[in-house]
PDB file of N, CA and C in Angstrom:
ATOM      1  N   MET A   1     -66.823 -33.712  63.746  1.00  0.00           N
ATOM      2  CA  MET A   1     -65.681 -34.331  63.100  1.00  0.00           C
ATOM      3  C   MET A   1     -64.879 -33.029  62.545  1.00  0.00           C
ATOM      4  N   ALA A   2     -63.589 -32.951  62.960  1.00  0.00           N
ATOM      5  CA  ALA A   2     -62.721 -31.850  62.581  1.00  0.00           C
ATOM      6  C   ALA A   2     -61.940 -32.316  61.225  1.00  0.00           C
ATOM      7  N   THR A   3     -61.822 -31.402  60.363  1.00  0.00           N
ATOM      8  CA  THR A   3     -60.992 -31.755  59.218  1.00  0.00           C
ATOM      9  C   THR A   3     -59.953 -30.641  59.071  1.00  0.00           C
ATOM     10  N   THR A   4     -58.706 -31.130  58.986  1.00  0.00           N
ATOM     11  CA  THR A   4     -57.558 -30.162  58.838  1.00  0.00           C
ATOM     12  C   THR A   4     -57.088 -30.114  57.423  1.00  0.00           C
ATOM     13  N   TYR A   5     -56.602 -29.125  56.998  1.00  0.00           N
ATOM     14  CA  TYR A   5     -56.154 -28.973  55.726  1.00  0.00           C
ATOM     15  C   TYR A   5     -54.710 -28.392  55.826  1.00  0.00           C
ATOM     16  N   ASN A   6     -53.792 -29.103  55.168  1.00  0.00           N
ATOM     17  CA  ASN A   6     -52.384 -28.701  55.302  1.00  0.00           C
ATOM     18  C   ASN A   6     -52.017 -28.285  53.842  1.00  0.00           C
ATOM     19  N   ALA A   7     -51.899 -26.878  53.616  1.00  0.00           N
ATOM     20  CA  ALA A   7     -51.629 -26.414  52.289  1.00  0.00           C
ATOM     21  C   ALA A   7     -50.142 -26.851  51.867  1.00  0.00           C
ATOM     22  N   SER A   8     -49.128 -27.019  52.755  1.00  0.00           N
ATOM     23  CA  SER A   8     -47.810 -27.342  52.380  1.00  0.00           C
ATOM     24  C   SER A   8     -47.766 -28.724  51.643  1.00  0.00           C
ATOM     25  N   THR A   9     -48.745 -29.651  52.031  1.00  0.00           N
ATOM     26  CA  THR A   9     -48.683 -30.950  51.288  1.00  0.00           C
ATOM     27  C   THR A   9     -49.591 -31.131  50.117  1.00  0.00           C
ATOM     28  N   SER A  10     -50.408 -30.094  49.857  1.00  0.00           N
ATOM     29  CA  SER A  10     -51.414 -30.223  48.850  1.00  0.00           C
ATOM     30  C   SER A  10     -50.782 -30.028  47.500  1.00  0.00           C
ATOM     31  N   ARG A  11     -50.943 -30.931  46.599  1.00  0.00           N
ATOM     32  CA  ARG A  11     -50.395 -30.712  45.283  1.00  0.00           C
ATOM     33  C   ARG A  11     -51.302 -29.884  44.419  1.00  0.00           C
ATOM     34  N   GLN A  12     -52.662 -29.821  44.815  1.00  0.00           N
ATOM     35  CA  GLN A  12     -53.586 -29.118  44.035  1.00  0.00           C
ATOM     36  C   GLN A  12     -53.284 -27.643  44.175  1.00  0.00           C
ATOM     37  N   THR A  13     -52.803 -27.302  45.140  1.00  0.00           N
ATOM     38  CA  THR A  13     -52.477 -25.780  45.346  1.00  0.00           C
ATOM     39  C   THR A  13     -51.531 -25.248  44.373  1.00  0.00           C
ATOM     40  N   PHE A  14     -50.587 -26.011  43.937  1.00  0.00           N
ATOM     41  CA  PHE A  14     -49.569 -25.664  42.956  1.00  0.00           C
ATOM     42  C   PHE A  14     -49.956 -26.014  41.571  1.00  0.00           C
ATOM     43  N   ALA A  15     -50.992 -26.734  41.280  1.00  0.00           N
ATOM     44  CA  ALA A  15     -51.163 -27.144  39.922  1.00  0.00           C
ATOM     45  C   ALA A  15     -51.392 -26.041  38.996  1.00  0.00           C
ATOM     46  N   PRO A  16     -52.052 -24.897  39.178  1.00  0.00           N
ATOM     47  CA  PRO A  16     -52.148 -23.816  38.223  1.00  0.00           C
ATOM     48  C   PRO A  16     -50.860 -23.106  38.115  1.00  0.00           C
ATOM     49  N   LEU A  17     -50.049 -23.226  39.089  1.00  0.00           N
ATOM     50  CA  LEU A  17     -48.782 -22.624  38.979  1.00  0.00           C
ATOM     51  C   LEU A  17     -47.909 -23.383  37.913  1.00  0.00           C
ATOM     52  N   ARG A  18     -47.875 -24.726  38.111  1.00  0.00           N
ATOM     53  CA  ARG A  18     -47.110 -25.637  37.270  1.00  0.00           C
ATOM     54  C   ARG A  18     -47.571 -25.394  35.826  1.00  0.00           C
ATOM     55  N   LEU A  19     -48.914 -25.361  35.624  1.00  0.00           N
ATOM     56  CA  LEU A  19     -49.382 -25.186  34.235  1.00  0.00           C
ATOM     57  C   LEU A  19     -48.998 -24.027  33.699  1.00  0.00           C
ATOM     58  N   GLY A  20     -49.054 -22.940  34.442  1.00  0.00           N
ATOM     59  CA  GLY A  20     -48.623 -21.611  33.958  1.00  0.00           C
ATOM     60  C   GLY A  20     -47.220 -21.553  33.599  1.00  0.00           C
ATOM     61  N   LEU A  21     -46.261 -22.150  34.398  1.00  0.00           N
ATOM     62  CA  LEU A  21     -44.847 -22.195  34.077  1.00  0.00           C
ATOM     63  C   LEU A  21     -44.585 -23.128  32.868  1.00  0.00           C
ATOM     64  N   SER A  22     -45.429 -24.085  32.744  1.00  0.00           N
ATOM     65  CA  SER A  22     -45.125 -25.046  31.556  1.00  0.00           C
ATOM     66  C   SER A  22     -45.539 -24.239  30.295  1.00  0.00           C
ATOM     67  N   PHE A  23     -46.763 -23.533  30.445  1.00  0.00           N
ATOM     68  CA  PHE A  23     -47.094 -22.764  29.232  1.00  0.00           C
ATOM     69  C   PHE A  23     -46.072 -21.769  28.867  1.00  0.00           C
ATOM     70  N   ILE A  24     -45.509 -21.068  29.845  1.00  0.00           N
ATOM     71  CA  ILE A  24     -44.513 -19.997  29.627  1.00  0.00           C
ATOM     72  C   ILE A  24     -43.314 -20.627  29.039  1.00  0.00           C
ATOM     73  N   GLY A  25     -42.823 -21.830  29.634  1.00  0.00           N
ATOM     74  CA  GLY A  25     -41.555 -22.453  29.222  1.00  0.00           C
ATOM     75  C   GLY A  25     -41.767 -22.988  27.646  1.00  0.00           C
ATOM     76  N   ASP A  26     -42.881 -23.483  27.390  1.00  0.00           N
ATOM     77  CA  ASP A  26     -43.085 -23.962  26.065  1.00  0.00           C
ATOM     78  C   ASP A  26     -43.045 -22.792  25.038  1.00  0.00           C
ATOM     79  N   ARG A  27     -43.564 -21.634  25.342  1.00  0.00           N
ATOM     80  CA  ARG A  27     -43.545 -20.518  24.462  1.00  0.00           C
ATOM     81  C   ARG A  27     -42.064 -19.974  24.409  1.00  0.00           C
ATOM     82  N   PHE A  28     -41.290 -20.085  25.629  1.00  0.00           N
ATOM     83  CA  PHE A  28     -40.007 -19.681  25.419  1.00  0.00           C
ATOM     84  C   PHE A  28     -39.014 -20.524  24.557  1.00  0.00           C
ATOM     85  N   VAL A  29     -39.310 -21.776  24.601  1.00  0.00           N
ATOM     86  CA  VAL A  29     -38.589 -22.815  23.785  1.00  0.00           C
ATOM     87  C   VAL A  29     -38.967 -22.416  22.238  1.00  0.00           C
ATOM     88  N   ALA A  30     -40.271 -22.318  22.071  1.00  0.00           N
ATOM     89  CA  ALA A  30     -40.606 -21.943  20.563  1.00  0.00           C
ATOM     90  C   ALA A  30     -39.946 -20.638  20.119  1.00  0.00           C
ATOM     91  N   LEU A  31     -39.797 -19.636  21.116  1.00  0.00           N
ATOM     92  CA  LEU A  31     -39.245 -18.526  20.633  1.00  0.00           C
ATOM     93  C   LEU A  31     -37.739 -18.689  20.353  1.00  0.00           C
ATOM     94  N   LEU A  32     -36.944 -19.533  21.095  1.00  0.00           N
ATOM     95  CA  LEU A  32     -35.659 -19.735  20.900  1.00  0.00           C
ATOM     96  C   LEU A  32     -35.517 -20.380  19.614  1.00  0.00           C
ATOM     97  N   GLU A  33     -36.355 -21.440  19.306  1.00  0.00           N
ATOM     98  CA  GLU A  33     -36.226 -22.183  18.072  1.00  0.00           C
ATOM     99  C   GLU A  33     -36.466 -21.241  16.817  1.00  0.00           C
ATOM    100  N   TRP A  34     -37.411 -20.236  17.024  1.00  0.00           N
ATOM    101  CA  TRP A  34     -37.645 -19.269  15.860  1.00  0.00           C
ATOM    102  C   TRP A  34     -36.494 -18.435  15.579  1.00  0.00           C
ATOM    103  N   TYR A  35     -35.818 -17.970  16.723  1.00  0.00           N
ATOM    104  CA  TYR A  35     -34.617 -17.127  16.597  1.00  0.00           C
ATOM    105  C   TYR A  35     -33.434 -17.997  15.850  1.00  0.00           C
ATOM    106  N   GLY A  36     -33.395 -19.294  16.226  1.00  0.00           N
ATOM    107  CA  GLY A  36     -32.398 -20.080  15.553  1.00  0.00           C
ATOM    108  C   GLY A  36     -32.606 -20.330  14.066  1.00  0.00           C
ATOM    109  N   ARG A  37     -33.950 -20.544  13.697  1.00  0.00           N
ATOM    110  CA  ARG A  37     -34.185 -20.574  12.253  1.00  0.00           C
ATOM    111  C   ARG A  37     -33.952 -19.243  11.499  1.00  0.00           C
ATOM    112  N   ARG A  38     -34.207 -18.256  12.200  1.00  0.00           N
ATOM    113  CA  ARG A  38     -34.045 -16.864  11.688  1.00  0.00           C
ATOM    114  C   ARG A  38     -32.551 -16.591  11.378  1.00  0.00           C
ATOM    115  N   GLU A  39     -31.751 -17.057  12.385  1.00  0.00           N
ATOM    116  CA  GLU A  39     -30.212 -16.829  12.163  1.00  0.00           C
ATOM    117  C   GLU A  39     -29.633 -17.763  11.054  1.00  0.00           C
ATOM    118  N   ILE A  40     -30.069 -18.950  11.010  1.00  0.00           N
ATOM    119  CA  ILE A  40     -29.621 -19.860   9.990  1.00  0.00           C
ATOM    120  C   ILE A  40     -30.074 -19.302   8.671  1.00  0.00           C
ATOM    121  N   ARG A  41     -31.261 -18.830   8.438  1.00  0.00           N
ATOM    122  CA  ARG A  41     -31.752 -18.255   7.245  1.00  0.00           C
ATOM    123  C   ARG A  41     -30.970 -17.093   6.836  1.00  0.00           C
ATOM    124  N   GLY A  42     -30.815 -16.258   7.744  1.00  0.00           N
ATOM    125  CA  GLY A  42     -29.807 -14.970   7.476  1.00  0.00           C
ATOM    126  C   GLY A  42     -28.496 -15.363   7.120  1.00  0.00           C
ATOM    127  N   ARG A  43     -27.833 -16.297   7.677  1.00  0.00           N
ATOM    128  CA  ARG A  43     -26.418 -16.805   7.325  1.00  0.00           C
ATOM    129  C   ARG A  43     -26.413 -17.365   5.931  1.00  0.00           C
ATOM    130  N   LEU A  44     -27.420 -18.186   5.628  1.00  0.00           N
ATOM    131  CA  LEU A  44     -27.471 -18.746   4.271  1.00  0.00           C
ATOM    132  C   LEU A  44     -27.774 -17.688   3.140  1.00  0.00           C
ATOM    133  N   LEU A  45     -28.662 -16.856   3.470  1.00  0.00           N
ATOM    134  CA  LEU A  45     -28.926 -15.825   2.470  1.00  0.00           C
ATOM    135  C   LEU A  45     -27.696 -14.876   2.199  1.00  0.00           C
ATOM    136  N   ALA A  46     -26.709 -14.833   3.151  1.00  0.00           N
ATOM    137  CA  ALA A  46     -25.610 -13.987   2.951  1.00  0.00           C
ATOM    138  C   ALA A  46     -24.474 -14.734   2.061  1.00  0.00           C
ATOM    139  N   LEU A  47     -24.662 -15.986   1.859  1.00  0.00           N
ATOM    140  CA  LEU A  47     -23.805 -16.799   1.021  1.00  0.00           C
ATOM    141  C   LEU A  47     -24.056 -16.541  -0.404  1.00  0.00           C
ATOM    142  N   SER A  48     -22.958 -16.587  -1.265  1.00  0.00           N
ATOM    143  CA  SER A  48     -23.050 -16.446  -2.610  1.00  0.00           C
ATOM    144  C   SER A  48     -23.633 -17.766  -3.290  1.00  0.00           C
ATOM    145  N   ASP A  49     -24.219 -17.663  -4.425  1.00  0.00           N
ATOM    146  CA  ASP A  49     -24.683 -18.889  -5.224  1.00  0.00           C
ATOM    147  C   ASP A  49     -23.746 -19.908  -5.228  1.00  0.00           C
ATOM    148  N   ARG A  50     -22.361 -19.533  -5.474  1.00  0.00           N
ATOM    149  CA  ARG A  50     -21.271 -20.549  -5.529  1.00  0.00           C
ATOM    150  C   ARG A  50     -21.093 -21.260  -4.202  1.00  0.00           C
ATOM    151  N   GLU A  51     -21.198 -20.586  -3.003  1.00  0.00           N
ATOM    152  CA  GLU A  51     -20.995 -21.067  -1.749  1.00  0.00           C
ATOM    153  C   GLU A  51     -22.230 -22.069  -1.320  1.00  0.00           C
ATOM    154  N   LEU A  52     -23.302 -21.593  -1.850  1.00  0.00           N
ATOM    155  CA  LEU A  52     -24.478 -22.495  -1.552  1.00  0.00           C
ATOM    156  C   LEU A  52     -24.467 -23.769  -2.352  1.00  0.00           C
ATOM    157  N   HIS A  53     -23.921 -23.666  -3.624  1.00  0.00           N
ATOM    158  CA  HIS A  53     -23.619 -24.813  -4.452  1.00  0.00           C
ATOM    159  C   HIS A  53     -22.644 -25.813  -3.806  1.00  0.00           C
ATOM    160  N   ASP A  54     -21.676 -25.186  -3.234  1.00  0.00           N
ATOM    161  CA  ASP A  54     -20.654 -26.080  -2.557  1.00  0.00           C
ATOM    162  C   ASP A  54     -21.084 -26.836  -1.425  1.00  0.00           C
ATOM    163  N   ILE A  55     -22.228 -26.292  -0.735  1.00  0.00           N
ATOM    164  CA  ILE A  55     -22.766 -27.059   0.417  1.00  0.00           C
ATOM    165  C   ILE A  55     -24.009 -27.852   0.044  1.00  0.00           C
ATOM    166  N   GLY A  56     -24.378 -27.791  -1.271  1.00  0.00           N
ATOM    167  CA  GLY A  56     -25.330 -28.605  -1.835  1.00  0.00           C
ATOM    168  C   GLY A  56     -26.663 -28.149  -1.651  1.00  0.00           C
ATOM    169  N   ILE A  57     -26.982 -26.892  -1.629  1.00  0.00           N
ATOM    170  CA  ILE A  57     -28.455 -26.482  -1.562  1.00  0.00           C
ATOM    171  C   ILE A  57     -28.507 -25.118  -2.559  1.00  0.00           C
ATOM    172  N   SER A  58     -29.702 -24.947  -3.122  1.00  0.00           N
ATOM    173  CA  SER A  58     -29.983 -23.835  -3.962  1.00  0.00           C
ATOM    174  C   SER A  58     -30.532 -22.753  -3.102  1.00  0.00           C
ATOM    175  N   ARG A  59     -30.647 -21.547  -3.697  1.00  0.00           N
ATOM    176  CA  ARG A  59     -31.259 -20.365  -2.997  1.00  0.00           C
ATOM    177  C   ARG A  59     -32.724 -20.516  -2.639  1.00  0.00           C
ATOM    178  N   GLY A  60     -33.218 -21.339  -3.491  1.00  0.00           N
ATOM    179  CA  GLY A  60     -34.819 -21.742  -3.323  1.00  0.00           C
ATOM    180  C   GLY A  60     -34.995 -22.638  -2.169  1.00  0.00           C
ATOM    181  N   GLU A  61     -34.042 -23.373  -1.727  1.00  0.00           N
ATOM    182  CA  GLU A  61     -34.142 -24.249  -0.614  1.00  0.00           C
ATOM    183  C   GLU A  61     -33.777 -23.704   0.725  1.00  0.00           C
ATOM    184  N   ILE A  62     -33.405 -22.442   0.823  1.00  0.00           N
ATOM    185  CA  ILE A  62     -32.977 -21.870   2.115  1.00  0.00           C
ATOM    186  C   ILE A  62     -33.984 -21.850   3.159  1.00  0.00           C
ATOM    187  N   ASP A  63     -35.238 -21.572   2.891  1.00  0.00           N
ATOM    188  CA  ASP A  63     -36.334 -21.537   3.774  1.00  0.00           C
ATOM    189  C   ASP A  63     -36.551 -22.868   4.350  1.00  0.00           C
ATOM    190  N   TYR A  64     -36.542 -23.891   3.424  1.00  0.00           N
ATOM    191  CA  TYR A  64     -36.670 -25.226   3.781  1.00  0.00           C
ATOM    192  C   TYR A  64     -35.649 -25.849   4.727  1.00  0.00           C
ATOM    193  N   VAL A  65     -34.383 -25.490   4.568  1.00  0.00           N
ATOM    194  CA  VAL A  65     -33.276 -25.942   5.239  1.00  0.00           C
ATOM    195  C   VAL A  65     -33.255 -25.269   6.573  1.00  0.00           C
ATOM    196  N   ALA A  66     -33.650 -23.983   6.660  1.00  0.00           N
ATOM    197  CA  ALA A  66     -33.819 -23.203   7.873  1.00  0.00           C
ATOM    198  C   ALA A  66     -34.878 -23.748   8.830  1.00  0.00           C
ATOM    199  N   SER A  67     -36.050 -24.193   8.176  1.00  0.00           N
ATOM    200  CA  SER A  67     -37.103 -24.666   8.929  1.00  0.00           C
ATOM    201  C   SER A  67     -36.930 -26.064   9.398  1.00  0.00           C
ATOM    202  N   ASN A  68     -36.069 -26.887   8.749  1.00  0.00           N
ATOM    203  CA  ASN A  68     -35.942 -28.270   9.095  1.00  0.00           C
ATOM    204  C   ASN A  68     -34.411 -28.626   9.224  1.00  0.00           C
ATOM    205  N   PRO A  69     -33.809 -28.078  10.343  1.00  0.00           N
ATOM    206  CA  PRO A  69     -32.346 -28.170  10.562  1.00  0.00           C
ATOM    207  C   PRO A  69     -31.981 -29.628  10.758  1.00  0.00           C
ATOM    208  N   ASP A  70     -32.804 -30.624  10.956  1.00  0.00           N
ATOM    209  CA  ASP A  70     -32.446 -31.974  11.255  1.00  0.00           C
ATOM    210  C   ASP A  70     -32.357 -32.901   9.961  1.00  0.00           C
ATOM    211  N   ILE A  71     -32.766 -32.068   8.845  1.00  0.00           N
ATOM    212  CA  ILE A  71     -33.009 -32.851   7.507  1.00  0.00           C
ATOM    213  C   ILE A  71     -31.763 -32.450   6.701  1.00  0.00           C
ATOM    214  N   ASP A  72     -30.935 -33.307   6.246  1.00  0.00           N
ATOM    215  CA  ASP A  72     -29.917 -33.111   5.313  1.00  0.00           C
ATOM    216  C   ASP A  72     -30.445 -32.767   3.868  1.00  0.00           C
ATOM    217  N   PRO A  73     -30.290 -31.694   3.221  1.00  0.00           N
ATOM    218  CA  PRO A  73     -30.806 -31.293   1.962  1.00  0.00           C
ATOM    219  C   PRO A  73     -30.366 -32.275   0.896  1.00  0.00           C
ATOM    220  N   ARG A  74     -29.323 -32.947   1.062  1.00  0.00           N
ATOM    221  CA  ARG A  74     -28.771 -33.867   0.108  1.00  0.00           C
ATOM    222  C   ARG A  74     -29.450 -35.198   0.096  1.00  0.00           C
ATOM    223  N   GLY A  75     -30.481 -35.474   0.993  1.00  0.00           N
ATOM    224  CA  GLY A  75     -31.348 -36.633   0.979  1.00  0.00           C
ATOM    225  C   GLY A  75     -31.252 -37.493   2.323  1.00  0.00           C
ATOM    226  N   GLY A  76     -30.192 -37.323   2.986  1.00  0.00           N
ATOM    227  CA  GLY A  76     -30.100 -38.091   4.448  1.00  0.00           C
ATOM    228  C   GLY A  76     -30.686 -37.269   5.514  1.00  0.00           C
ATOM    229  N   SER A  77     -30.621 -37.844   6.535  1.00  0.00           N
ATOM    230  CA  SER A  77     -31.063 -37.150   7.856  1.00  0.00           C
ATOM    231  C   SER A  77     -29.794 -36.996   8.739  1.00  0.00           C
ATOM    232  N   LEU A  78     -29.845 -35.918   9.405  1.00  0.00           N
ATOM    233  CA  LEU A  78     -28.693 -35.668  10.317  1.00  0.00           C
ATOM    234  C   LEU A  78     -28.976 -36.210  11.727  1.00  0.00           C
ATOM    235  N   ALA A  79     -28.099 -36.881  12.235  1.00  0.00           N
ATOM    236  CA  ALA A  79     -28.210 -37.386  13.562  1.00  0.00           C
ATOM    237  C   ALA A  79     -27.720 -36.370  14.641  1.00  0.00           C
ATOM    238  N   LYS A  80     -28.441 -36.260  15.723  1.00  0.00           N
ATOM    239  CA  LYS A  80     -28.000 -35.235  16.659  1.00  0.00           C
ATOM    240  C   LYS A  80     -27.149 -35.975  17.651  1.00  0.00           C
TER     241      LYS A  80
END
């Protein structure tokens, strides 16, 4: 009994590649999010206390606001 194997139709051949690309993609997205939080934090730190008060946050809340961009510091949630 002859068994033929066609590599072009085998999904198992590419499974490790897909997992590797998924792993790299996840890390890339996480890195982009980290850069975004870093930029938000830097911009908020550059504001004066008066400017921060005008937008409704205190200097102590900057890290929280930068880490949670979907949450409005005034109590509501921001819709995307």
